[in-house]
Amino acid sequence: MRLLVLGGTEFLGRAVVSEALARGAHVTVFNRGRHEPPPGVVALRGDRTAPGGLAALAEGEWDHVVDTWSGRPVPVRDATRLLAGRAEGYAYISSRSVYTFPAPAYAAEDAPVVESSPGAGEDGGEVGYAEAKRGGELAAQAVFGDRALLVRAGLLVGPHENTGRLPWWLWRLSRGGAVPAPGPHDLDLQHIDARDLAAWTLDALGAGLGGAFNGVGPPGSTTMGELLETCLRVVRSDAELRWVEPEAVLAAGVEPWTALPIWMPPGPGHGGLHRGDVGKAVAAGLRLRPLEETVADTWAWCGGAPEAVANRKAGLDPAQESALLALSNGRP
């Protein structure tokens, strides 16, 4: 396989490159040069947001393209137009955020999506994340049609995570002491190791698949309790999980997802985040490695120092932590 990865040096893009190289593919990486790509690739440089920034891609042919762009969709539109006729398949890494909020629980790929366009934000106007990702989808489809693979990623975890969510929990639990754990203990979580999504994306391209696929593990594949208890085992911490009812968390003014990474309260407003229908992707071969392997590999990548990669803009501050501990019941 001759693969072009637009991005390819951080998290999922890096996982795609590593997986493709392991399969013996000839990989070209195009990026701005802020991070070095893994050894063994052809590296091309350019800034997709600058005039003439795609010049390095003016020549060349590839079997498939994987595009990890997450900003305004215009760079996706321009790249697809430039590569038309020089690549067979185009995988755009989108997001489950494209679904109209709040997405209903167990929504499949035919659920309503936000309004957008391939040129959204071209006039300098604000473009939200959901609209940007949907615009990228439309840009890929406008050029590649049914050969455009839209990978609507869910919660990504694993080594090289650049969002710092799982590393934050590893960092906090490794410090020990009483740790407020947002309940309920059996709250469903949907996640996927970036390496598993990378492997599936390459498989899907190789099989000639196109259209939208929810790219995350099956609902109920893990829970908040299993995640935090797995983290405790992996870091070998003596931290004590003190469970707090979701109503108490919200009443204390603690923000889900940001102050408490990964966690979203149960209920109609957020029920779709961790309960999406992934039957289509599973039927196409999507598989999830054991959670403990993902957590252990992430801890190993952190080198025992997760504070270096934890998202310090998120997570509980000391006052919030004390307030939640006062509300905890200590029970799962």
C-alpha atoms as a PDB file:
ATOM      1  CA  MET A   1       0.000   0.000   0.000  1.00  0.00           C
ATOM      2  CA  ARG A   2       1.144   3.515  -0.830  1.00  0.00           C
ATOM      3  CA  LEU A   3      -0.296   5.644   1.956  1.00  0.00           C
ATOM      4  CA  LEU A   4      -0.370   9.403   2.368  1.00  0.00           C
ATOM      5  CA  VAL A   5      -1.101  10.653   5.885  1.00  0.00           C
ATOM      6  CA  LEU A   6      -1.990  14.311   6.284  1.00  0.00           C
ATOM      7  CA  GLY A   7      -0.792  14.876   9.828  1.00  0.00           C
ATOM      8  CA  GLY A   8       0.698  11.671  11.104  1.00  0.00           C
ATOM      9  CA  THR A   9       2.850  12.779  14.019  1.00  0.00           C
ATOM     10  CA  GLU A  10       0.401  13.006  16.934  1.00  0.00           C
ATOM     11  CA  PHE A  11      -1.861  10.441  18.595  1.00  0.00           C
ATOM     12  CA  LEU A  12      -4.212   8.813  16.068  1.00  0.00           C
ATOM     13  CA  GLY A  13      -2.239   9.985  13.050  1.00  0.00           C
ATOM     14  CA  ARG A  14       0.931   8.627  14.588  1.00  0.00           C
ATOM     15  CA  ALA A  15      -0.830   5.336  15.299  1.00  0.00           C
ATOM     16  CA  VAL A  16      -1.941   5.117  11.653  1.00  0.00           C
ATOM     17  CA  VAL A  17       1.615   5.687  10.449  1.00  0.00           C
ATOM     18  CA  SER A  18       3.087   3.134  12.857  1.00  0.00           C
ATOM     19  CA  GLU A  19       0.477   0.516  11.919  1.00  0.00           C
ATOM     20  CA  ALA A  20       0.981   1.106   8.206  1.00  0.00           C
ATOM     21  CA  LEU A  21       4.758   0.796   8.514  1.00  0.00           C
ATOM     22  CA  ALA A  22       4.352  -2.435  10.474  1.00  0.00           C
ATOM     23  CA  ARG A  23       2.309  -3.768   7.550  1.00  0.00           C
ATOM     24  CA  GLY A  24       5.071  -2.942   5.103  1.00  0.00           C
ATOM     25  CA  ALA A  25       3.330   0.034   3.519  1.00  0.00           C
ATOM     26  CA  HIS A  26       5.183   2.856   1.793  1.00  0.00           C
ATOM     27  CA  VAL A  27       4.145   5.855   3.897  1.00  0.00           C
ATOM     28  CA  THR A  28       4.344   9.549   3.069  1.00  0.00           C
ATOM     29  CA  VAL A  29       3.621  12.038   5.857  1.00  0.00           C
ATOM     30  CA  PHE A  30       2.675  15.642   5.144  1.00  0.00           C
ATOM     31  CA  ASN A  31       2.714  18.091   8.050  1.00  0.00           C
ATOM     32  CA  ARG A  32       3.993  21.448   9.251  1.00  0.00           C
ATOM     33  CA  GLY A  33       7.122  20.015  10.805  1.00  0.00           C
ATOM     34  CA  ARG A  34       6.254  20.842  14.394  1.00  0.00           C
ATOM     35  CA  HIS A  35       6.705  17.188  15.341  1.00  0.00           C
ATOM     36  CA  GLU A  36       8.958  14.638  13.723  1.00  0.00           C
ATOM     37  CA  PRO A  37       7.218  11.667  12.088  1.00  0.00           C
ATOM     38  CA  PRO A  38       8.244   8.118  12.976  1.00  0.00           C
ATOM     39  CA  PRO A  39      11.359   6.837  11.183  1.00  0.00           C
ATOM     40  CA  GLY A  40      10.839   5.112   7.861  1.00  0.00           C
ATOM     41  CA  VAL A  41       8.465   7.569   6.179  1.00  0.00           C
ATOM     42  CA  VAL A  42       8.849  10.080   3.369  1.00  0.00           C
ATOM     43  CA  ALA A  43       8.367  13.453   5.062  1.00  0.00           C
ATOM     44  CA  LEU A  44       6.816  16.377   3.175  1.00  0.00           C
ATOM     45  CA  ARG A  45       6.362  19.804   4.726  1.00  0.00           C
ATOM     46  CA  GLY A  46       3.690  22.414   4.291  1.00  0.00           C
ATOM     47  CA  ASP A  47       1.156  24.564   6.105  1.00  0.00           C
ATOM     48  CA  ARG A  48      -2.346  23.747   4.866  1.00  0.00           C
ATOM     49  CA  THR A  49      -3.669  27.090   6.123  1.00  0.00           C
ATOM     50  CA  ALA A  50      -1.162  29.201   4.166  1.00  0.00           C
ATOM     51  CA  PRO A  51      -1.311  30.233   0.508  1.00  0.00           C
ATOM     52  CA  GLY A  52       0.551  27.621  -1.514  1.00  0.00           C
ATOM     53  CA  GLY A  53       0.876  25.466   1.585  1.00  0.00           C
ATOM     54  CA  LEU A  54       0.027  22.279  -0.297  1.00  0.00           C
ATOM     55  CA  ALA A  55       2.783  22.712  -2.897  1.00  0.00           C
ATOM     56  CA  ALA A  56       4.676  19.654  -1.649  1.00  0.00           C
ATOM     57  CA  LEU A  57       1.691  17.528  -2.695  1.00  0.00           C
ATOM     58  CA  ALA A  58       1.549  18.841  -6.260  1.00  0.00           C
ATOM     59  CA  GLU A  59       3.001  15.585  -7.555  1.00  0.00           C
ATOM     60  CA  GLY A  60       2.738  11.952  -6.549  1.00  0.00           C
ATOM     61  CA  GLU A  61       0.185   9.161  -6.444  1.00  0.00           C
ATOM     62  CA  TRP A  62      -1.047   7.085  -3.536  1.00  0.00           C
ATOM     63  CA  ASP A  63      -3.446   4.229  -3.023  1.00  0.00           C
ATOM     64  CA  HIS A  64      -5.071   5.842  -0.011  1.00  0.00           C
ATOM     65  CA  VAL A  65      -5.048   9.019   2.068  1.00  0.00           C
ATOM     66  CA  VAL A  66      -5.745   9.427   5.788  1.00  0.00           C
ATOM     67  CA  ASP A  67      -6.533  12.987   6.850  1.00  0.00           C
ATOM     68  CA  THR A  68      -6.542  13.886  10.561  1.00  0.00           C
ATOM     69  CA  TRP A  69      -7.282  17.625  10.190  1.00  0.00           C
ATOM     70  CA  SER A  70      -9.524  19.001  12.952  1.00  0.00           C
ATOM     71  CA  GLY A  71      -9.765  22.709  12.183  1.00  0.00           C
ATOM     72  CA  ARG A  72     -11.924  24.635   9.731  1.00  0.00           C
ATOM     73  CA  PRO A  73     -12.786  22.417   6.763  1.00  0.00           C
ATOM     74  CA  VAL A  74     -11.281  24.558   3.991  1.00  0.00           C
ATOM     75  CA  PRO A  75      -7.877  22.756   4.152  1.00  0.00           C
ATOM     76  CA  VAL A  76      -9.711  19.438   3.690  1.00  0.00           C
ATOM     77  CA  ARG A  77     -11.569  20.842   0.710  1.00  0.00           C
ATOM     78  CA  ASP A  78      -8.343  22.099  -0.856  1.00  0.00           C
ATOM     79  CA  ALA A  79      -6.437  18.864  -0.216  1.00  0.00           C
ATOM     80  CA  THR A  80      -9.156  16.648  -1.667  1.00  0.00           C
ATOM     81  CA  ARG A  81      -9.377  18.780  -4.791  1.00  0.00           C
ATOM     82  CA  LEU A  82      -5.619  18.666  -5.246  1.00  0.00           C
ATOM     83  CA  LEU A  83      -5.446  14.893  -4.750  1.00  0.00           C
ATOM     84  CA  ALA A  84      -8.453  14.050  -6.943  1.00  0.00           C
ATOM     85  CA  GLY A  85      -7.456  11.370  -9.418  1.00  0.00           C
ATOM     86  CA  ARG A  86      -4.203  10.634  -7.602  1.00  0.00           C
ATOM     87  CA  ALA A  87      -5.568   8.492  -4.767  1.00  0.00           C
ATOM     88  CA  GLU A  88      -8.153   5.738  -4.682  1.00  0.00           C
ATOM     89  CA  GLY A  89      -9.591   6.142  -1.186  1.00  0.00           C
ATOM     90  CA  TYR A  90      -9.712   9.035   1.279  1.00  0.00           C
ATOM     91  CA  ALA A  91     -10.268   8.468   5.004  1.00  0.00           C
ATOM     92  CA  TYR A  92     -11.233  11.599   6.886  1.00  0.00           C
ATOM     93  CA  ILE A  93     -10.952  11.266  10.667  1.00  0.00           C
ATOM     94  CA  SER A  94     -14.130  12.910  11.834  1.00  0.00           C
ATOM     95  CA  SER A  95     -15.897  12.797  15.189  1.00  0.00           C
ATOM     96  CA  ARG A  96     -19.118  11.632  16.761  1.00  0.00           C
ATOM     97  CA  SER A  97     -19.524  15.287  17.678  1.00  0.00           C
ATOM     98  CA  VAL A  98     -21.047  15.844  14.218  1.00  0.00           C
ATOM     99  CA  TYR A  99     -24.377  14.508  15.517  1.00  0.00           C
ATOM    100  CA  THR A 100     -26.916  17.101  16.528  1.00  0.00           C
ATOM    101  CA  PHE A 101     -26.706  17.631  20.299  1.00  0.00           C
ATOM    102  CA  PRO A 102     -27.960  15.915  22.290  1.00  0.00           C
ATOM    103  CA  ALA A 103     -27.544  12.735  20.298  1.00  0.00           C
ATOM    104  CA  PRO A 104     -29.993  10.062  21.435  1.00  0.00           C
ATOM    105  CA  ALA A 105     -28.643   6.948  23.072  1.00  0.00           C
ATOM    106  CA  TYR A 106     -27.727   4.159  20.657  1.00  0.00           C
ATOM    107  CA  ALA A 107     -27.796   6.505  17.659  1.00  0.00           C
ATOM    108  CA  ALA A 108     -26.333   5.039  14.479  1.00  0.00           C
ATOM    109  CA  GLU A 109     -24.688   6.770  11.537  1.00  0.00           C
ATOM    110  CA  ASP A 110     -28.036   7.906  10.137  1.00  0.00           C
ATOM    111  CA  ALA A 111     -28.749  10.135  13.163  1.00  0.00           C
ATOM    112  CA  PRO A 112     -29.201  13.875  12.404  1.00  0.00           C
ATOM    113  CA  VAL A 113     -25.970  15.840  11.986  1.00  0.00           C
ATOM    114  CA  VAL A 114     -25.141  19.529  12.330  1.00  0.00           C
ATOM    115  CA  GLU A 115     -25.367  21.901   9.377  1.00  0.00           C
ATOM    116  CA  SER A 116     -22.077  22.843   7.749  1.00  0.00           C
ATOM    117  CA  SER A 117     -20.269  23.149   4.413  1.00  0.00           C
ATOM    118  CA  PRO A 118     -16.773  22.515   2.979  1.00  0.00           C
ATOM    119  CA  GLY A 119     -16.173  26.272   3.020  1.00  0.00           C
ATOM    120  CA  ALA A 120     -17.356  26.919   6.570  1.00  0.00           C
ATOM    121  CA  GLY A 121     -15.277  29.655   8.171  1.00  0.00           C
ATOM    122  CA  GLU A 122     -13.641  30.741   4.935  1.00  0.00           C
ATOM    123  CA  ASP A 123     -14.930  34.265   5.557  1.00  0.00           C
ATOM    124  CA  GLY A 124     -13.225  34.364   8.950  1.00  0.00           C
ATOM    125  CA  GLY A 125     -16.343  33.573  10.929  1.00  0.00           C
ATOM    126  CA  GLU A 126     -16.351  31.304  13.942  1.00  0.00           C
ATOM    127  CA  VAL A 127     -16.735  27.592  13.317  1.00  0.00           C
ATOM    128  CA  GLY A 128     -17.439  25.185  16.146  1.00  0.00           C
ATOM    129  CA  TYR A 129     -15.742  21.800  16.409  1.00  0.00           C
ATOM    130  CA  ALA A 130     -18.838  19.884  15.289  1.00  0.00           C
ATOM    131  CA  GLU A 131     -19.365  22.151  12.283  1.00  0.00           C
ATOM    132  CA  ALA A 132     -15.680  21.931  11.367  1.00  0.00           C
ATOM    133  CA  LYS A 133     -15.722  18.144  11.395  1.00  0.00           C
ATOM    134  CA  ARG A 134     -18.980  17.946   9.450  1.00  0.00           C
ATOM    135  CA  GLY A 135     -17.590  20.395   6.897  1.00  0.00           C
ATOM    136  CA  GLY A 136     -14.541  18.160   6.514  1.00  0.00           C
ATOM    137  CA  GLU A 137     -16.807  15.186   5.874  1.00  0.00           C
ATOM    138  CA  LEU A 138     -18.686  17.072   3.179  1.00  0.00           C
ATOM    139  CA  ALA A 139     -15.436  18.198   1.588  1.00  0.00           C
ATOM    140  CA  ALA A 140     -14.152  14.627   1.360  1.00  0.00           C
ATOM    141  CA  GLN A 141     -17.432  13.353  -0.064  1.00  0.00           C
ATOM    142  CA  ALA A 142     -17.675  16.164  -2.607  1.00  0.00           C
ATOM    143  CA  VAL A 143     -14.495  14.933  -4.307  1.00  0.00           C
ATOM    144  CA  PHE A 144     -14.211  11.229  -3.444  1.00  0.00           C
ATOM    145  CA  GLY A 145     -17.908  10.365  -3.284  1.00  0.00           C
ATOM    146  CA  ASP A 146     -18.543   6.848  -2.016  1.00  0.00           C
ATOM    147  CA  ARG A 147     -14.765   6.325  -1.768  1.00  0.00           C
ATOM    148  CA  ALA A 148     -14.653   8.798   1.123  1.00  0.00           C
ATOM    149  CA  LEU A 149     -14.404   6.934   4.428  1.00  0.00           C
ATOM    150  CA  LEU A 150     -15.725   9.068   7.292  1.00  0.00           C
ATOM    151  CA  VAL A 151     -14.352   7.763  10.579  1.00  0.00           C
ATOM    152  CA  ARG A 152     -16.457   9.308  13.332  1.00  0.00           C
ATOM    153  CA  ALA A 153     -14.129   8.738  16.236  1.00  0.00           C
ATOM    154  CA  GLY A 154     -15.328   8.554  19.807  1.00  0.00           C
ATOM    155  CA  LEU A 155     -13.255   8.767  22.995  1.00  0.00           C
ATOM    156  CA  LEU A 156      -9.677   7.980  21.974  1.00  0.00           C
ATOM    157  CA  VAL A 157      -7.199   6.728  24.550  1.00  0.00           C
ATOM    158  CA  GLY A 158      -3.815   5.057  24.513  1.00  0.00           C
ATOM    159  CA  PRO A 159      -0.115   5.925  24.223  1.00  0.00           C
ATOM    160  CA  HIS A 160       0.713   9.371  22.790  1.00  0.00           C
ATOM    161  CA  GLU A 161      -2.663  10.737  23.874  1.00  0.00           C
ATOM    162  CA  ASN A 162      -2.447  14.487  23.312  1.00  0.00           C
ATOM    163  CA  THR A 163      -5.722  15.339  25.057  1.00  0.00           C
ATOM    164  CA  GLY A 164      -4.390  14.234  28.441  1.00  0.00           C
ATOM    165  CA  ARG A 165      -7.629  12.712  29.727  1.00  0.00           C
ATOM    166  CA  LEU A 166      -6.498   9.217  30.698  1.00  0.00           C
ATOM    167  CA  PRO A 167      -3.051  10.534  31.741  1.00  0.00           C
ATOM    168  CA  TRP A 168      -4.791  12.951  34.119  1.00  0.00           C
ATOM    169  CA  TRP A 169      -6.482  10.078  35.934  1.00  0.00           C
ATOM    170  CA  LEU A 170      -3.204   8.135  36.021  1.00  0.00           C
ATOM    171  CA  TRP A 171      -1.455  11.198  37.424  1.00  0.00           C
ATOM    172  CA  ARG A 172      -4.077  11.813  40.088  1.00  0.00           C
ATOM    173  CA  LEU A 173      -4.388   8.195  41.204  1.00  0.00           C
ATOM    174  CA  SER A 174      -0.620   7.730  41.308  1.00  0.00           C
ATOM    175  CA  ARG A 175      -0.448  10.516  43.914  1.00  0.00           C
ATOM    176  CA  GLY A 176      -2.537   8.426  46.300  1.00  0.00           C
ATOM    177  CA  GLY A 177      -4.913   9.574  49.002  1.00  0.00           C
ATOM    178  CA  ALA A 178      -8.675   9.902  48.786  1.00  0.00           C
ATOM    179  CA  VAL A 179      -9.838  10.532  45.223  1.00  0.00           C
ATOM    180  CA  PRO A 180     -13.409  11.537  44.361  1.00  0.00           C
ATOM    181  CA  ALA A 181     -14.762   9.132  41.752  1.00  0.00           C
ATOM    182  CA  PRO A 182     -17.771  10.308  39.743  1.00  0.00           C
ATOM    183  CA  GLY A 183     -20.552   7.754  39.749  1.00  0.00           C
ATOM    184  CA  PRO A 184     -22.342   5.650  39.228  1.00  0.00           C
ATOM    185  CA  HIS A 185     -19.750   2.894  39.458  1.00  0.00           C
ATOM    186  CA  ASP A 186     -21.436   0.980  36.622  1.00  0.00           C
ATOM    187  CA  LEU A 187     -21.746   3.985  34.293  1.00  0.00           C
ATOM    188  CA  ASP A 188     -21.166   2.828  30.711  1.00  0.00           C
ATOM    189  CA  LEU A 189     -18.130   4.182  28.895  1.00  0.00           C
ATOM    190  CA  GLN A 190     -17.344   3.953  25.191  1.00  0.00           C
ATOM    191  CA  HIS A 191     -13.697   4.276  24.269  1.00  0.00           C
ATOM    192  CA  ILE A 192     -11.207   2.983  21.754  1.00  0.00           C
ATOM    193  CA  ASP A 193      -7.452   2.613  21.760  1.00  0.00           C
ATOM    194  CA  ALA A 194      -6.092   4.826  18.966  1.00  0.00           C
ATOM    195  CA  ARG A 195      -4.049   1.867  17.733  1.00  0.00           C
ATOM    196  CA  ASP A 196      -7.220  -0.198  17.259  1.00  0.00           C
ATOM    197  CA  LEU A 197      -8.932   2.582  15.333  1.00  0.00           C
ATOM    198  CA  ALA A 198      -5.812   3.031  13.198  1.00  0.00           C
ATOM    199  CA  ALA A 199      -5.768  -0.667  12.322  1.00  0.00           C
ATOM    200  CA  TRP A 200      -9.467  -0.655  11.481  1.00  0.00           C
ATOM    201  CA  THR A 201      -9.120   2.446   9.295  1.00  0.00           C
ATOM    202  CA  LEU A 202      -6.383   0.821   7.234  1.00  0.00           C
ATOM    203  CA  ASP A 203      -8.394  -2.399   6.956  1.00  0.00           C
ATOM    204  CA  ALA A 204     -11.455  -0.443   5.822  1.00  0.00           C
ATOM    205  CA  LEU A 205      -9.473   1.452   3.200  1.00  0.00           C
ATOM    206  CA  GLY A 206      -7.981  -1.776   1.934  1.00  0.00           C
ATOM    207  CA  ALA A 207     -11.461  -3.264   1.642  1.00  0.00           C
ATOM    208  CA  GLY A 208     -12.686  -0.261  -0.335  1.00  0.00           C
ATOM    209  CA  LEU A 209     -15.211   0.842   2.289  1.00  0.00           C
ATOM    210  CA  GLY A 210     -16.745   4.291   2.188  1.00  0.00           C
ATOM    211  CA  GLY A 211     -19.362   6.295   4.029  1.00  0.00           C
ATOM    212  CA  ALA A 212     -19.731   7.091   7.717  1.00  0.00           C
ATOM    213  CA  PHE A 213     -18.739   4.722  10.519  1.00  0.00           C
ATOM    214  CA  ASN A 214     -18.847   5.333  14.264  1.00  0.00           C
ATOM    215  CA  GLY A 215     -15.279   4.615  15.337  1.00  0.00           C
ATOM    216  CA  VAL A 216     -15.369   3.653  18.999  1.00  0.00           C
ATOM    217  CA  GLY A 217     -15.787   0.528  21.083  1.00  0.00           C
ATOM    218  CA  PRO A 218     -19.201  -1.048  21.753  1.00  0.00           C
ATOM    219  CA  PRO A 219     -21.396   0.541  24.435  1.00  0.00           C
ATOM    220  CA  GLY A 220     -20.916  -1.136  27.780  1.00  0.00           C
ATOM    221  CA  SER A 221     -17.451  -2.418  26.881  1.00  0.00           C
ATOM    222  CA  THR A 222     -16.263  -0.828  30.110  1.00  0.00           C
ATOM    223  CA  THR A 223     -17.551   1.301  32.974  1.00  0.00           C
ATOM    224  CA  MET A 224     -16.284   4.218  35.020  1.00  0.00           C
ATOM    225  CA  GLY A 225     -15.634   1.849  37.896  1.00  0.00           C
ATOM    226  CA  GLU A 226     -13.668  -0.613  35.781  1.00  0.00           C
ATOM    227  CA  LEU A 227     -11.614   2.190  34.236  1.00  0.00           C
ATOM    228  CA  LEU A 228     -10.559   3.741  37.545  1.00  0.00           C
ATOM    229  CA  GLU A 229      -9.948   0.397  39.232  1.00  0.00           C
ATOM    230  CA  THR A 230      -7.822  -0.685  36.277  1.00  0.00           C
ATOM    231  CA  CYS A 231      -5.817   2.516  36.582  1.00  0.00           C
ATOM    232  CA  LEU A 232      -5.280   1.808  40.286  1.00  0.00           C
ATOM    233  CA  ARG A 233      -3.932  -1.676  39.553  1.00  0.00           C
ATOM    234  CA  VAL A 234      -1.648  -0.467  36.795  1.00  0.00           C
ATOM    235  CA  VAL A 235      -0.067   2.394  38.767  1.00  0.00           C
ATOM    236  CA  ARG A 236       0.036   0.262  41.949  1.00  0.00           C
ATOM    237  CA  SER A 237      -1.379   3.090  43.976  1.00  0.00           C
ATOM    238  CA  ASP A 238      -2.849   3.032  47.482  1.00  0.00           C
ATOM    239  CA  ALA A 239      -5.339   5.741  46.481  1.00  0.00           C
ATOM    240  CA  GLU A 240      -8.856   5.289  47.813  1.00  0.00           C
ATOM    241  CA  LEU A 241     -11.734   5.827  45.392  1.00  0.00           C
ATOM    242  CA  ARG A 242     -14.525   7.777  47.111  1.00  0.00           C
ATOM    243  CA  TRP A 243     -17.635   7.526  44.939  1.00  0.00           C
ATOM    244  CA  VAL A 244     -19.869  10.571  44.468  1.00  0.00           C
ATOM    245  CA  GLU A 245     -23.385  10.398  43.048  1.00  0.00           C
ATOM    246  CA  PRO A 246     -23.717  12.213  39.715  1.00  0.00           C
ATOM    247  CA  GLU A 247     -26.392  14.538  41.087  1.00  0.00           C
ATOM    248  CA  ALA A 248     -23.990  15.651  43.821  1.00  0.00           C
ATOM    249  CA  VAL A 249     -21.200  16.250  41.305  1.00  0.00           C
ATOM    250  CA  LEU A 250     -23.420  18.507  39.217  1.00  0.00           C
ATOM    251  CA  ALA A 251     -24.861  20.295  42.256  1.00  0.00           C
ATOM    252  CA  ALA A 252     -21.303  21.157  43.315  1.00  0.00           C
ATOM    253  CA  GLY A 253     -20.795  22.961  40.004  1.00  0.00           C
ATOM    254  CA  VAL A 254     -18.121  20.558  38.765  1.00  0.00           C
ATOM    255  CA  GLU A 255     -17.991  20.408  34.972  1.00  0.00           C
ATOM    256  CA  PRO A 256     -18.293  16.964  33.391  1.00  0.00           C
ATOM    257  CA  TRP A 257     -15.635  15.970  30.830  1.00  0.00           C
ATOM    258  CA  THR A 258     -13.313  18.875  31.729  1.00  0.00           C
ATOM    259  CA  ALA A 259     -13.018  18.992  35.527  1.00  0.00           C
ATOM    260  CA  LEU A 260     -13.628  15.233  35.532  1.00  0.00           C
ATOM    261  CA  PRO A 261     -12.037  13.940  32.318  1.00  0.00           C
ATOM    262  CA  ILE A 262     -13.902  11.183  30.435  1.00  0.00           C
ATOM    263  CA  TRP A 263     -16.920  11.284  32.778  1.00  0.00           C
ATOM    264  CA  MET A 264     -20.337  12.448  31.626  1.00  0.00           C
ATOM    265  CA  PRO A 265     -23.428  12.078  33.833  1.00  0.00           C
ATOM    266  CA  PRO A 266     -26.155   9.650  32.842  1.00  0.00           C
ATOM    267  CA  GLY A 267     -29.328  11.123  31.451  1.00  0.00           C
ATOM    268  CA  PRO A 268     -30.919  12.372  28.239  1.00  0.00           C
ATOM    269  CA  GLY A 269     -28.530  15.297  27.793  1.00  0.00           C
ATOM    270  CA  HIS A 270     -25.391  13.181  27.613  1.00  0.00           C
ATOM    271  CA  GLY A 271     -26.604   9.625  27.203  1.00  0.00           C
ATOM    272  CA  GLY A 272     -25.513   9.434  23.579  1.00  0.00           C
ATOM    273  CA  LEU A 273     -21.840  10.134  24.220  1.00  0.00           C
ATOM    274  CA  HIS A 274     -21.044   6.716  25.663  1.00  0.00           C
ATOM    275  CA  ARG A 275     -23.948   4.818  24.094  1.00  0.00           C
ATOM    276  CA  GLY A 276     -23.506   5.099  20.353  1.00  0.00           C
ATOM    277  CA  ASP A 277     -24.391   2.315  17.926  1.00  0.00           C
ATOM    278  CA  VAL A 278     -21.176   0.854  16.471  1.00  0.00           C
ATOM    279  CA  GLY A 279     -22.704  -2.218  14.867  1.00  0.00           C
ATOM    280  CA  LYS A 280     -21.704  -1.084  11.383  1.00  0.00           C
ATOM    281  CA  ALA A 281     -18.017  -0.764  12.274  1.00  0.00           C
ATOM    282  CA  VAL A 282     -18.007  -3.984  14.281  1.00  0.00           C
ATOM    283  CA  ALA A 283     -19.523  -5.829  11.304  1.00  0.00           C
ATOM    284  CA  ALA A 284     -16.668  -4.381   9.242  1.00  0.00           C
ATOM    285  CA  GLY A 285     -14.071  -5.845  11.616  1.00  0.00           C
ATOM    286  CA  LEU A 286     -13.616  -3.300  14.414  1.00  0.00           C
ATOM    287  CA  ARG A 287     -12.081  -4.933  17.474  1.00  0.00           C
ATOM    288  CA  LEU A 288     -11.122  -3.552  20.884  1.00  0.00           C
ATOM    289  CA  ARG A 289      -8.074  -4.671  22.838  1.00  0.00           C
ATOM    290  CA  PRO A 290      -8.405  -5.272  26.609  1.00  0.00           C
ATOM    291  CA  LEU A 291      -8.702  -2.102  28.665  1.00  0.00           C
ATOM    292  CA  GLU A 292      -5.857  -3.158  30.953  1.00  0.00           C
ATOM    293  CA  GLU A 293      -3.489  -3.335  27.981  1.00  0.00           C
ATOM    294  CA  THR A 294      -4.418   0.193  26.904  1.00  0.00           C
ATOM    295  CA  VAL A 295      -4.002   1.579  30.427  1.00  0.00           C
ATOM    296  CA  ALA A 296      -0.712  -0.250  31.020  1.00  0.00           C
ATOM    297  CA  ASP A 297       0.738   0.894  27.691  1.00  0.00           C
ATOM    298  CA  THR A 298      -0.348   4.469  28.380  1.00  0.00           C
ATOM    299  CA  TRP A 299       1.304   4.345  31.818  1.00  0.00           C
ATOM    300  CA  ALA A 300       4.481   2.946  30.254  1.00  0.00           C
ATOM    301  CA  TRP A 301       4.469   5.732  27.675  1.00  0.00           C
ATOM    302  CA  CYS A 302       4.081   8.268  30.490  1.00  0.00           C
ATOM    303  CA  GLY A 303       7.273   6.826  31.923  1.00  0.00           C
ATOM    304  CA  GLY A 304       5.823   6.901  35.409  1.00  0.00           C
ATOM    305  CA  ALA A 305       5.472  10.674  35.146  1.00  0.00           C
ATOM    306  CA  PRO A 306       1.945  11.293  33.829  1.00  0.00           C
ATOM    307  CA  GLU A 307       1.988  14.873  35.075  1.00  0.00           C
ATOM    308  CA  ALA A 308       4.088  15.693  32.016  1.00  0.00           C
ATOM    309  CA  VAL A 309       1.266  14.742  29.627  1.00  0.00           C
ATOM    310  CA  ALA A 310      -1.853  15.132  31.755  1.00  0.00           C
ATOM    311  CA  ASN A 311      -4.243  17.814  30.602  1.00  0.00           C
ATOM    312  CA  ARG A 312      -3.598  20.332  33.344  1.00  0.00           C
ATOM    313  CA  LYS A 313      -6.257  22.654  31.932  1.00  0.00           C
ATOM    314  CA  ALA A 314      -8.742  20.002  32.961  1.00  0.00           C
ATOM    315  CA  GLY A 315      -9.174  18.056  36.154  1.00  0.00           C
ATOM    316  CA  LEU A 316     -10.238  19.006  39.631  1.00  0.00           C
ATOM    317  CA  ASP A 317      -8.656  21.883  41.489  1.00  0.00           C
ATOM    318  CA  PRO A 318      -8.012  21.352  45.233  1.00  0.00           C
ATOM    319  CA  ALA A 319     -11.185  23.178  46.295  1.00  0.00           C
ATOM    320  CA  GLN A 320     -13.360  21.096  43.973  1.00  0.00           C
ATOM    321  CA  GLU A 321     -11.728  17.901  45.138  1.00  0.00           C
ATOM    322  CA  SER A 322     -12.334  18.743  48.790  1.00  0.00           C
ATOM    323  CA  ALA A 323     -15.949  19.629  48.080  1.00  0.00           C
ATOM    324  CA  LEU A 324     -16.596  16.330  46.292  1.00  0.00           C
ATOM    325  CA  LEU A 325     -14.881  14.287  48.973  1.00  0.00           C
ATOM    326  CA  ALA A 326     -17.221  15.857  51.518  1.00  0.00           C
ATOM    327  CA  LEU A 327     -20.151  14.639  49.405  1.00  0.00           C
ATOM    328  CA  SER A 328     -18.818  11.165  48.777  1.00  0.00           C
ATOM    329  CA  ASN A 329     -20.317   8.028  50.243  1.00  0.00           C
ATOM    330  CA  GLY A 330     -17.203   5.917  49.743  1.00  0.00           C
ATOM    331  CA  ARG A 331     -19.196   3.125  48.153  1.00  0.00           C
ATOM    332  CA  PRO A 332     -19.133   1.880  44.539  1.00  0.00           C
END
